[in-house]
Amino acid sequence: MSNRRSFFAGVAAAGAGLFAARKINAQTAANNVLIETPDLPKLPWRMVDGVKEFHLIAEVVHSELVRGRALDGWGFNGSIPGPTLEINEGDRIRVIFENRLPEMTALHWHGLEAPVEMEGSVGLGQDPTPPGGTYTYDFTVNQHGTLFYHSHFSMQEMMGMLGFLIVHPKTPYSPRVHRDFGLLIQEFSILPNNTVPNTMSMEFNWLTFNGKSGPAATPMLVKQGERVRIRLVNLGMDHHPIHMHGNQFSITGTEGGRIPEAQWHPQNTVLVGVGQARNIEFDAKYLGDWMMHCHMPHHMMNQMVSMAGPMAPSAHAKMMSSSTIGLYPVDDAAKKAIPGYPQDMWMPMDEMFAKPETYGLRKGWSGAMMGMMTMVRVLPPDLYDEIQRRIQAAKGGRA
């Protein structure tokens, strides 16, 4: 009889514990703002015996960096970068990982404190997952912050294999933000007449936020007066000084967690090194469409390739000047008299890249949006609401 009582007492205690865990989990979710990752999906999950279960698939992915510029890379669940996993501190998660690539691979959970056989130390903690194989990652997350997952094979990283793992804290960060965005930084070398990245290259001509180059990158939308967090993660070969126009921000977190507020200080450019995460926060005080971009000059352009031989102005000038006809004309004599002319070009293509999130932008907005560029749109409430209505209409929902 005493054994039966102990058994049922254990069952009751386990049930109470599960209920308490779910209650805490629900409270954590309610107290935190969900992350928005423009141009990237979130990975759905289902609850199985108290565990959040995800199904993550490594596979060949066909994408576009901008309209008309194809990328045949490797990603997850049909996306480059992969979909965002969003959980709460204290969650136990199970990731059923399936490899549909033509070669072995393995996942590393970057910044995660987990058993060695679960955090992705291929060769040390686990064997590579073969083509057609699966591996189950199962662990409890007892930390919070901006983490990410990626292939732990170097050349596969350069094919696009990266994604967010966002862990919200049990106790919300202070001050509380109204908007929480995530941007993944990647770079690709795609030579003319090719669609597959050249992973051997040390020079990159396509620089992306969340798999898109400007002007294809979807703007981040906020209302004037809101507090904003932007999480930046870099997995490539270059460090990137990310600059935001018109606003000052503070760095409030890294891949290692939250930074004490006493260490915050105002700045407007943050260097995001390879393998690093940097969280920035600011109050959106100023109305406007504020550019955000890498400040390395070549990273603010697309489709750059090295030239062979001396600079020949003829073909180069013809191509460049054709894009400026009717805007800033220069007579032929002046073209020949100015060494190095031309250098830059202005090619607005607003209609080609129009979407609900670009509604209300100034005419010609797309002309300077190239390379690793996006924008934060700080909007008055009425314009914000109208854009949200258009977004829902485009999705087929109700206004």
Protein backbone atom coordinates (compact mmCIF):
# COMPACT_ATOMS: atom_id res chain seq x y z
CA MET A 1 0.00 0.00 0.00
CA SER A 2 2.80 2.38 0.85
CA ASN A 3 4.41 1.69 -2.54
CA ARG A 4 1.14 2.51 -4.32
CA ARG A 5 0.81 5.72 -2.32
CA SER A 6 4.36 6.66 -3.20
CA PHE A 7 3.70 5.94 -6.86
CA PHE A 8 0.57 8.08 -7.03
CA ALA A 9 2.25 10.80 -4.98
CA GLY A 10 5.10 10.78 -7.49
CA VAL A 11 2.67 11.03 -10.41
CA ALA A 12 0.87 13.92 -8.72
CA ALA A 13 4.14 15.68 -8.01
CA ALA A 14 5.28 15.22 -11.60
CA GLY A 15 1.98 16.54 -12.88
CA ALA A 16 2.18 19.53 -10.58
CA GLY A 17 5.73 20.15 -11.69
CA LEU A 18 4.75 20.01 -15.37
CA PHE A 19 1.81 22.35 -14.74
CA ALA A 20 4.08 24.79 -12.89
CA ALA A 21 6.65 24.64 -15.68
CA ARG A 22 4.00 25.33 -18.30
CA LYS A 23 2.63 28.20 -16.20
CA ILE A 24 6.10 29.75 -15.89
CA ASN A 25 6.65 29.17 -19.60
CA ALA A 26 3.39 30.92 -20.47
CA GLN A 27 4.27 33.85 -18.20
CA THR A 28 7.72 34.13 -19.77
CA ALA A 29 6.20 34.16 -23.26
CA ALA A 30 3.65 36.80 -22.27
CA ASN A 31 6.25 39.09 -20.72
CA ASN A 32 8.60 39.15 -23.71
CA VAL A 33 8.17 40.66 -27.15
CA LEU A 34 8.40 38.09 -29.93
CA ILE A 35 11.25 38.58 -32.35
CA GLU A 36 10.72 39.71 -35.94
CA THR A 37 13.21 38.43 -38.53
CA PRO A 38 12.40 40.22 -41.82
CA ASP A 39 12.42 37.93 -44.89
CA LEU A 40 12.89 34.82 -42.72
CA PRO A 41 10.29 32.39 -41.38
CA LYS A 42 10.00 31.00 -37.86
CA LEU A 43 10.29 27.25 -37.33
CA PRO A 44 7.04 25.82 -35.92
CA TRP A 45 7.09 23.43 -32.98
CA ARG A 46 4.75 21.09 -31.18
CA MET A 47 4.60 20.14 -27.51
CA VAL A 48 5.40 16.45 -26.94
CA ASP A 49 5.34 15.26 -23.32
CA GLY A 50 6.39 18.67 -22.06
CA VAL A 51 9.15 19.11 -24.66
CA LYS A 52 9.11 21.66 -27.49
CA GLU A 53 9.85 19.58 -30.56
CA PHE A 54 11.21 21.09 -33.79
CA HIS A 55 11.95 19.45 -37.15
CA LEU A 56 14.95 21.06 -38.85
CA ILE A 57 16.01 19.97 -42.34
CA ALA A 58 19.35 20.72 -44.01
CA GLU A 59 18.83 20.88 -47.76
CA VAL A 60 19.74 22.53 -51.05
CA VAL A 61 17.84 25.81 -51.36
CA HIS A 62 17.14 27.98 -54.40
CA SER A 63 16.76 31.63 -53.42
CA GLU A 64 17.20 35.16 -54.75
CA LEU A 65 19.47 37.81 -53.28
CA VAL A 66 17.60 40.48 -55.21
CA ARG A 67 15.06 39.98 -57.95
CA GLY A 68 16.77 38.26 -60.87
CA ARG A 69 19.95 37.30 -58.98
CA ALA A 70 19.63 33.61 -58.15
CA LEU A 71 21.41 31.85 -55.32
CA ASP A 72 21.68 28.06 -55.27
CA GLY A 73 23.01 27.45 -51.80
CA TRP A 74 22.49 25.25 -48.78
CA GLY A 75 20.14 26.15 -45.98
CA PHE A 76 17.38 24.81 -43.78
CA ASN A 77 13.69 24.14 -44.40
CA GLY A 78 13.74 25.92 -47.75
CA SER A 79 15.36 29.09 -46.45
CA ILE A 80 18.78 30.81 -46.53
CA PRO A 81 19.45 31.67 -43.75
CA GLY A 82 17.38 29.02 -41.99
CA PRO A 83 14.20 29.64 -39.99
CA THR A 84 14.30 31.18 -36.53
CA LEU A 85 13.88 28.99 -33.46
CA GLU A 86 12.31 31.05 -30.65
CA ILE A 87 12.07 29.64 -27.13
CA ASN A 88 12.09 30.67 -23.47
CA GLU A 89 14.68 30.25 -20.78
CA GLY A 90 14.01 26.97 -18.97
CA ASP A 91 12.47 25.24 -22.00
CA ARG A 92 13.46 21.72 -22.81
CA ILE A 93 13.66 21.40 -26.57
CA ARG A 94 14.09 18.53 -28.97
CA VAL A 95 15.37 19.23 -32.49
CA ILE A 96 14.95 16.34 -34.89
CA PHE A 97 17.60 17.13 -37.46
CA GLU A 98 17.39 15.61 -40.93
CA ASN A 99 20.17 15.79 -43.50
CA ARG A 100 18.96 16.01 -47.11
CA LEU A 101 22.28 17.34 -48.39
CA PRO A 102 24.49 15.26 -50.70
CA GLU A 103 27.22 15.09 -48.04
CA MET A 104 27.64 14.72 -44.30
CA THR A 105 26.89 17.65 -42.00
CA ALA A 106 26.29 18.53 -38.36
CA LEU A 107 24.71 21.36 -36.36
CA HIS A 108 26.47 23.54 -33.81
CA TRP A 109 24.40 25.58 -31.34
CA HIS A 110 26.62 28.64 -31.10
CA GLY A 111 26.92 30.00 -27.55
CA LEU A 112 24.79 27.26 -26.02
CA GLU A 113 25.72 25.70 -22.69
CA ALA A 114 24.74 22.08 -23.34
CA PRO A 115 26.23 18.57 -23.01
CA VAL A 116 29.02 17.98 -25.50
CA GLU A 117 27.01 15.38 -27.40
CA MET A 118 24.20 17.91 -27.84
CA GLU A 119 25.94 21.21 -28.66
CA GLY A 120 27.34 20.06 -31.99
CA SER A 121 31.03 19.34 -31.47
CA VAL A 122 31.26 17.13 -34.52
CA GLY A 123 33.98 14.52 -34.05
CA LEU A 124 34.23 15.28 -30.33
CA GLY A 125 30.67 14.94 -29.13
CA GLN A 126 28.93 13.38 -32.12
CA ASP A 127 29.60 11.84 -35.49
CA PRO A 128 28.65 13.71 -38.68
CA THR A 129 25.10 13.11 -39.84
CA PRO A 130 25.31 11.29 -43.19
CA PRO A 131 23.17 12.08 -46.25
CA GLY A 132 19.68 10.82 -45.52
CA GLY A 133 20.48 10.48 -41.81
CA THR A 134 18.97 12.08 -38.73
CA TYR A 135 20.23 13.18 -35.34
CA THR A 136 18.16 14.23 -32.34
CA TYR A 137 19.32 17.13 -30.22
CA ASP A 138 17.58 17.12 -26.82
CA PHE A 139 18.49 19.56 -24.05
CA THR A 140 17.17 22.08 -21.54
CA VAL A 141 18.11 25.70 -22.12
CA ASN A 142 19.06 27.38 -18.86
CA GLN A 143 20.35 30.64 -20.31
CA HIS A 144 18.96 33.47 -22.41
CA GLY A 145 20.15 35.67 -25.22
CA THR A 146 20.95 35.84 -28.92
CA LEU A 147 22.22 32.40 -29.92
CA PHE A 148 22.39 30.82 -33.34
CA TYR A 149 22.88 27.52 -35.11
CA HIS A 150 25.07 26.70 -38.07
CA SER A 151 26.81 23.86 -39.84
CA HIS A 152 30.11 23.03 -38.22
CA PHE A 153 31.73 22.35 -41.58
CA SER A 154 33.44 25.54 -42.73
CA MET A 155 32.65 25.42 -46.44
CA GLN A 156 29.00 24.65 -45.72
CA GLU A 157 28.83 27.83 -43.63
CA MET A 158 29.82 29.75 -46.75
CA MET A 159 26.97 28.05 -48.65
CA GLY A 160 24.46 29.69 -46.30
CA MET A 161 23.91 27.31 -43.37
CA LEU A 162 22.99 29.64 -40.49
CA GLY A 163 19.93 30.44 -38.38
CA PHE A 164 18.76 32.18 -35.18
CA LEU A 165 18.13 30.51 -31.82
CA ILE A 166 16.50 33.22 -29.69
CA VAL A 167 16.04 32.49 -25.98
CA HIS A 168 13.84 34.91 -24.06
CA PRO A 169 14.64 35.46 -20.37
CA LYS A 170 12.38 34.44 -17.48
CA THR A 171 12.69 37.97 -16.14
CA PRO A 172 12.26 40.43 -19.03
CA TYR A 173 15.10 42.78 -19.80
CA SER A 174 14.77 46.34 -18.59
CA PRO A 175 13.94 48.76 -20.07
CA ARG A 176 11.35 46.76 -21.98
CA VAL A 177 11.36 47.08 -25.76
CA HIS A 178 8.31 47.36 -28.01
CA ARG A 179 10.03 45.85 -31.08
CA ASP A 180 12.64 43.11 -31.25
CA PHE A 181 14.29 42.45 -34.63
CA GLY A 182 16.94 40.02 -35.81
CA LEU A 183 19.38 40.40 -38.72
CA LEU A 184 21.76 37.66 -39.85
CA ILE A 185 24.84 38.85 -41.72
CA GLN A 186 26.17 36.71 -44.57
CA GLU A 187 28.38 37.23 -47.60
CA PHE A 188 28.67 35.28 -50.84
CA SER A 189 31.05 35.20 -53.77
CA ILE A 190 28.95 34.54 -56.87
CA LEU A 191 30.83 34.94 -60.11
CA PRO A 192 29.21 36.06 -63.39
CA ASN A 193 27.02 33.39 -65.03
CA ASN A 194 27.04 31.36 -61.81
CA THR A 195 24.42 30.79 -59.14
CA VAL A 196 26.44 28.63 -56.72
CA PRO A 197 28.67 30.49 -54.21
CA ASN A 198 32.40 30.15 -54.72
CA THR A 199 33.33 29.02 -51.21
CA MET A 200 37.06 29.13 -52.02
CA SER A 201 36.99 32.87 -52.63
CA MET A 202 38.37 35.42 -50.19
CA GLU A 203 36.46 38.27 -51.85
CA PHE A 204 32.71 38.69 -51.68
CA ASN A 205 30.41 40.55 -54.01
CA TRP A 206 27.00 39.84 -52.46
CA LEU A 207 26.48 41.05 -48.90
CA THR A 208 23.20 40.29 -47.16
CA PHE A 209 20.91 40.86 -44.20
CA ASN A 210 18.68 37.80 -43.71
CA GLY A 211 19.59 36.52 -47.16
CA LYS A 212 18.69 39.69 -49.05
CA SER A 213 20.72 42.56 -50.47
CA GLY A 214 19.39 46.08 -50.72
CA PRO A 215 16.95 47.14 -52.02
CA ALA A 216 15.31 43.70 -51.60
CA ALA A 217 15.78 43.63 -47.81
CA THR A 218 12.45 44.26 -46.09
CA PRO A 219 12.49 47.38 -43.86
CA MET A 220 11.93 47.17 -40.11
CA LEU A 221 8.81 49.09 -39.06
CA VAL A 222 8.36 50.89 -35.73
CA LYS A 223 6.14 53.62 -34.34
CA GLN A 224 7.66 56.87 -33.21
CA GLY A 225 8.38 56.75 -29.48
CA GLU A 226 8.85 52.98 -29.27
CA ARG A 227 11.95 51.35 -27.84
CA VAL A 228 13.66 49.03 -30.32
CA ARG A 229 16.11 46.14 -30.08
CA ILE A 230 18.01 44.86 -33.12
CA ARG A 231 20.02 41.63 -32.79
CA LEU A 232 22.91 41.30 -35.25
CA VAL A 233 24.71 38.00 -35.91
CA ASN A 234 27.68 37.62 -38.26
CA LEU A 235 28.79 34.33 -39.79
CA GLY A 236 31.10 34.96 -42.71
CA MET A 237 34.72 35.83 -43.45
CA ASP A 238 34.65 39.59 -42.74
CA HIS A 239 33.97 41.74 -39.72
CA HIS A 240 31.24 44.28 -40.40
CA PRO A 241 30.93 47.83 -38.94
CA ILE A 242 27.14 48.23 -38.93
CA HIS A 243 26.07 51.87 -38.92
CA MET A 244 22.62 53.32 -38.34
CA HIS A 245 21.68 56.77 -39.61
CA GLY A 246 20.02 59.45 -37.54
CA ASN A 247 20.02 57.69 -34.16
CA GLN A 248 22.29 56.78 -31.28
CA PHE A 249 22.10 53.32 -29.74
CA SER A 250 23.69 51.28 -26.98
CA ILE A 251 25.13 47.77 -27.22
CA THR A 252 23.12 45.81 -24.65
CA GLY A 253 24.08 42.19 -25.32
CA THR A 254 26.39 39.74 -27.04
CA GLU A 255 26.30 36.03 -27.87
CA GLY A 256 27.28 35.56 -24.22
CA GLY A 257 24.23 37.32 -22.78
CA ARG A 258 23.04 40.65 -21.42
CA ILE A 259 25.55 43.46 -20.77
CA PRO A 260 25.15 45.33 -17.44
CA GLU A 261 23.54 48.70 -18.01
CA ALA A 262 26.48 50.48 -16.36
CA GLN A 263 28.57 49.49 -19.39
CA TRP A 264 26.19 50.92 -22.00
CA HIS A 265 27.24 54.03 -23.87
CA PRO A 266 25.87 55.86 -26.93
CA GLN A 267 27.25 55.11 -30.39
CA ASN A 268 25.94 54.71 -33.92
CA THR A 269 28.32 52.11 -35.38
CA VAL A 270 28.93 48.65 -33.98
CA LEU A 271 31.61 46.25 -35.19
CA VAL A 272 30.12 42.77 -35.46
CA GLY A 273 32.97 40.30 -35.69
CA VAL A 274 32.84 36.85 -37.23
CA GLY A 275 31.00 34.44 -34.96
CA GLN A 276 29.67 37.26 -32.80
CA ALA A 277 26.26 38.59 -31.86
CA ARG A 278 25.61 42.19 -30.90
CA ASN A 279 22.30 43.50 -29.56
CA ILE A 280 21.64 47.21 -29.90
CA GLU A 281 18.77 49.20 -28.38
CA PHE A 282 17.49 52.72 -28.93
CA ASP A 283 14.44 54.91 -28.52
CA ALA A 284 12.84 55.70 -31.87
CA LYS A 285 12.46 59.43 -31.24
CA TYR A 286 12.90 60.73 -34.76
CA LEU A 287 10.48 60.24 -37.64
CA GLY A 288 12.18 59.11 -40.81
CA ASP A 289 13.40 56.24 -42.96
CA TRP A 290 16.80 55.53 -41.47
CA MET A 291 19.37 53.55 -43.42
CA MET A 292 21.24 50.75 -41.67
CA HIS A 293 24.26 49.26 -43.41
CA CYS A 294 27.78 47.92 -43.25
CA HIS A 295 30.16 50.85 -43.61
CA MET A 296 32.89 49.03 -45.53
CA PRO A 297 32.65 50.76 -48.93
CA HIS A 298 32.68 47.62 -51.05
CA HIS A 299 29.99 46.11 -48.83
CA MET A 300 27.59 48.87 -49.83
CA MET A 301 27.54 47.62 -53.43
CA ASN A 302 26.39 44.52 -55.31
CA GLN A 303 27.90 42.33 -58.00
CA MET A 304 31.42 43.73 -57.76
CA VAL A 305 34.07 41.70 -59.61
CA SER A 306 37.79 42.24 -60.02
CA MET A 307 38.82 43.77 -63.33
CA ALA A 308 41.59 42.29 -65.45
CA GLY A 309 44.08 44.70 -66.99
CA PRO A 310 44.04 48.51 -66.84
CA MET A 311 40.88 50.50 -66.21
CA ALA A 312 39.35 51.07 -69.65
CA PRO A 313 36.90 53.99 -69.45
CA SER A 314 35.01 53.19 -72.61
CA ALA A 315 32.81 50.21 -71.74
CA HIS A 316 32.79 51.05 -68.05
CA ALA A 317 31.78 54.65 -68.69
CA LYS A 318 29.12 53.64 -71.18
CA MET A 319 27.51 51.28 -68.69
CA MET A 320 27.71 53.72 -65.82
CA SER A 321 26.60 56.80 -67.72
CA SER A 322 23.62 54.99 -69.20
CA SER A 323 22.23 54.64 -65.72
CA THR A 324 22.43 58.37 -65.09
CA ILE A 325 20.85 59.68 -68.28
CA GLY A 326 18.36 62.43 -67.48
CA LEU A 327 19.62 62.80 -63.92
CA TYR A 328 23.12 64.25 -63.91
CA PRO A 329 24.27 64.48 -67.54
CA VAL A 330 27.94 65.12 -68.26
CA ASP A 331 29.12 66.02 -71.77
CA ASP A 332 31.44 63.69 -73.64
CA ALA A 333 34.41 66.06 -73.48
CA ALA A 334 34.20 66.24 -69.70
CA LYS A 335 33.98 62.46 -69.44
CA LYS A 336 37.27 62.09 -71.31
CA ALA A 337 38.97 64.85 -69.32
CA ILE A 338 38.28 63.51 -65.84
CA PRO A 339 40.55 60.63 -64.77
CA GLY A 340 38.66 57.79 -63.12
CA TYR A 341 35.25 58.95 -64.28
CA PRO A 342 32.75 57.49 -63.66
CA GLN A 343 32.79 55.72 -60.29
CA ASP A 344 29.30 55.56 -58.78
CA MET A 345 25.88 55.17 -60.28
CA TRP A 346 22.30 55.93 -59.38
CA MET A 347 19.71 53.38 -60.46
CA PRO A 348 16.32 53.82 -58.75
CA MET A 349 14.11 50.76 -59.23
CA ASP A 350 11.32 51.54 -56.80
CA GLU A 351 8.56 49.64 -58.58
CA MET A 352 10.62 46.48 -58.94
CA PHE A 353 11.14 46.25 -55.17
CA ALA A 354 7.82 47.65 -53.98
CA LYS A 355 6.08 45.78 -51.16
CA PRO A 356 3.73 46.88 -48.37
CA GLU A 357 6.67 47.69 -46.11
CA THR A 358 8.00 50.24 -48.64
CA TYR A 359 4.70 52.11 -48.94
CA GLY A 360 5.15 55.85 -48.43
CA LEU A 361 8.90 55.93 -49.08
CA ARG A 362 10.27 58.92 -50.96
CA LYS A 363 10.50 58.52 -54.74
CA GLY A 364 13.94 57.23 -55.70
CA TRP A 365 14.47 55.46 -52.34
CA SER A 366 15.89 52.33 -54.01
CA GLY A 367 18.67 54.21 -55.82
CA ALA A 368 21.15 54.09 -52.96
CA MET A 369 20.05 50.79 -51.40
CA MET A 370 22.65 48.25 -52.48
CA GLY A 371 24.77 45.58 -50.83
CA MET A 372 24.45 45.03 -47.09
CA MET A 373 21.75 47.65 -46.58
CA THR A 374 18.33 47.82 -45.00
CA MET A 375 16.40 50.49 -43.09
CA VAL A 376 14.48 51.23 -39.92
CA ARG A 377 11.31 53.15 -40.69
CA VAL A 378 10.18 55.26 -37.72
CA LEU A 379 6.58 56.03 -38.60
CA PRO A 380 3.69 58.13 -37.32
CA PRO A 381 0.87 55.92 -36.02
CA ASP A 382 -1.46 56.50 -38.97
CA LEU A 383 1.15 55.50 -41.58
CA TYR A 384 2.24 52.53 -39.47
CA ASP A 385 -1.36 51.30 -39.26
CA GLU A 386 -1.89 51.76 -43.01
CA ILE A 387 1.23 49.72 -43.81
CA GLN A 388 0.09 46.97 -41.42
CA ARG A 389 -3.26 46.94 -43.20
CA ARG A 390 -1.49 46.52 -46.53
CA ILE A 391 0.69 43.74 -45.13
CA GLN A 392 -2.37 41.82 -43.96
CA ALA A 393 -4.11 42.39 -47.28
CA ALA A 394 -1.08 41.04 -49.14
CA LYS A 395 -1.19 37.93 -46.94
CA GLY A 396 -4.86 37.47 -47.77
CA GLY A 397 -5.99 38.48 -44.30
CA ARG A 398 -8.44 41.09 -43.20
CA ALA A 399 -7.49 44.75 -43.05
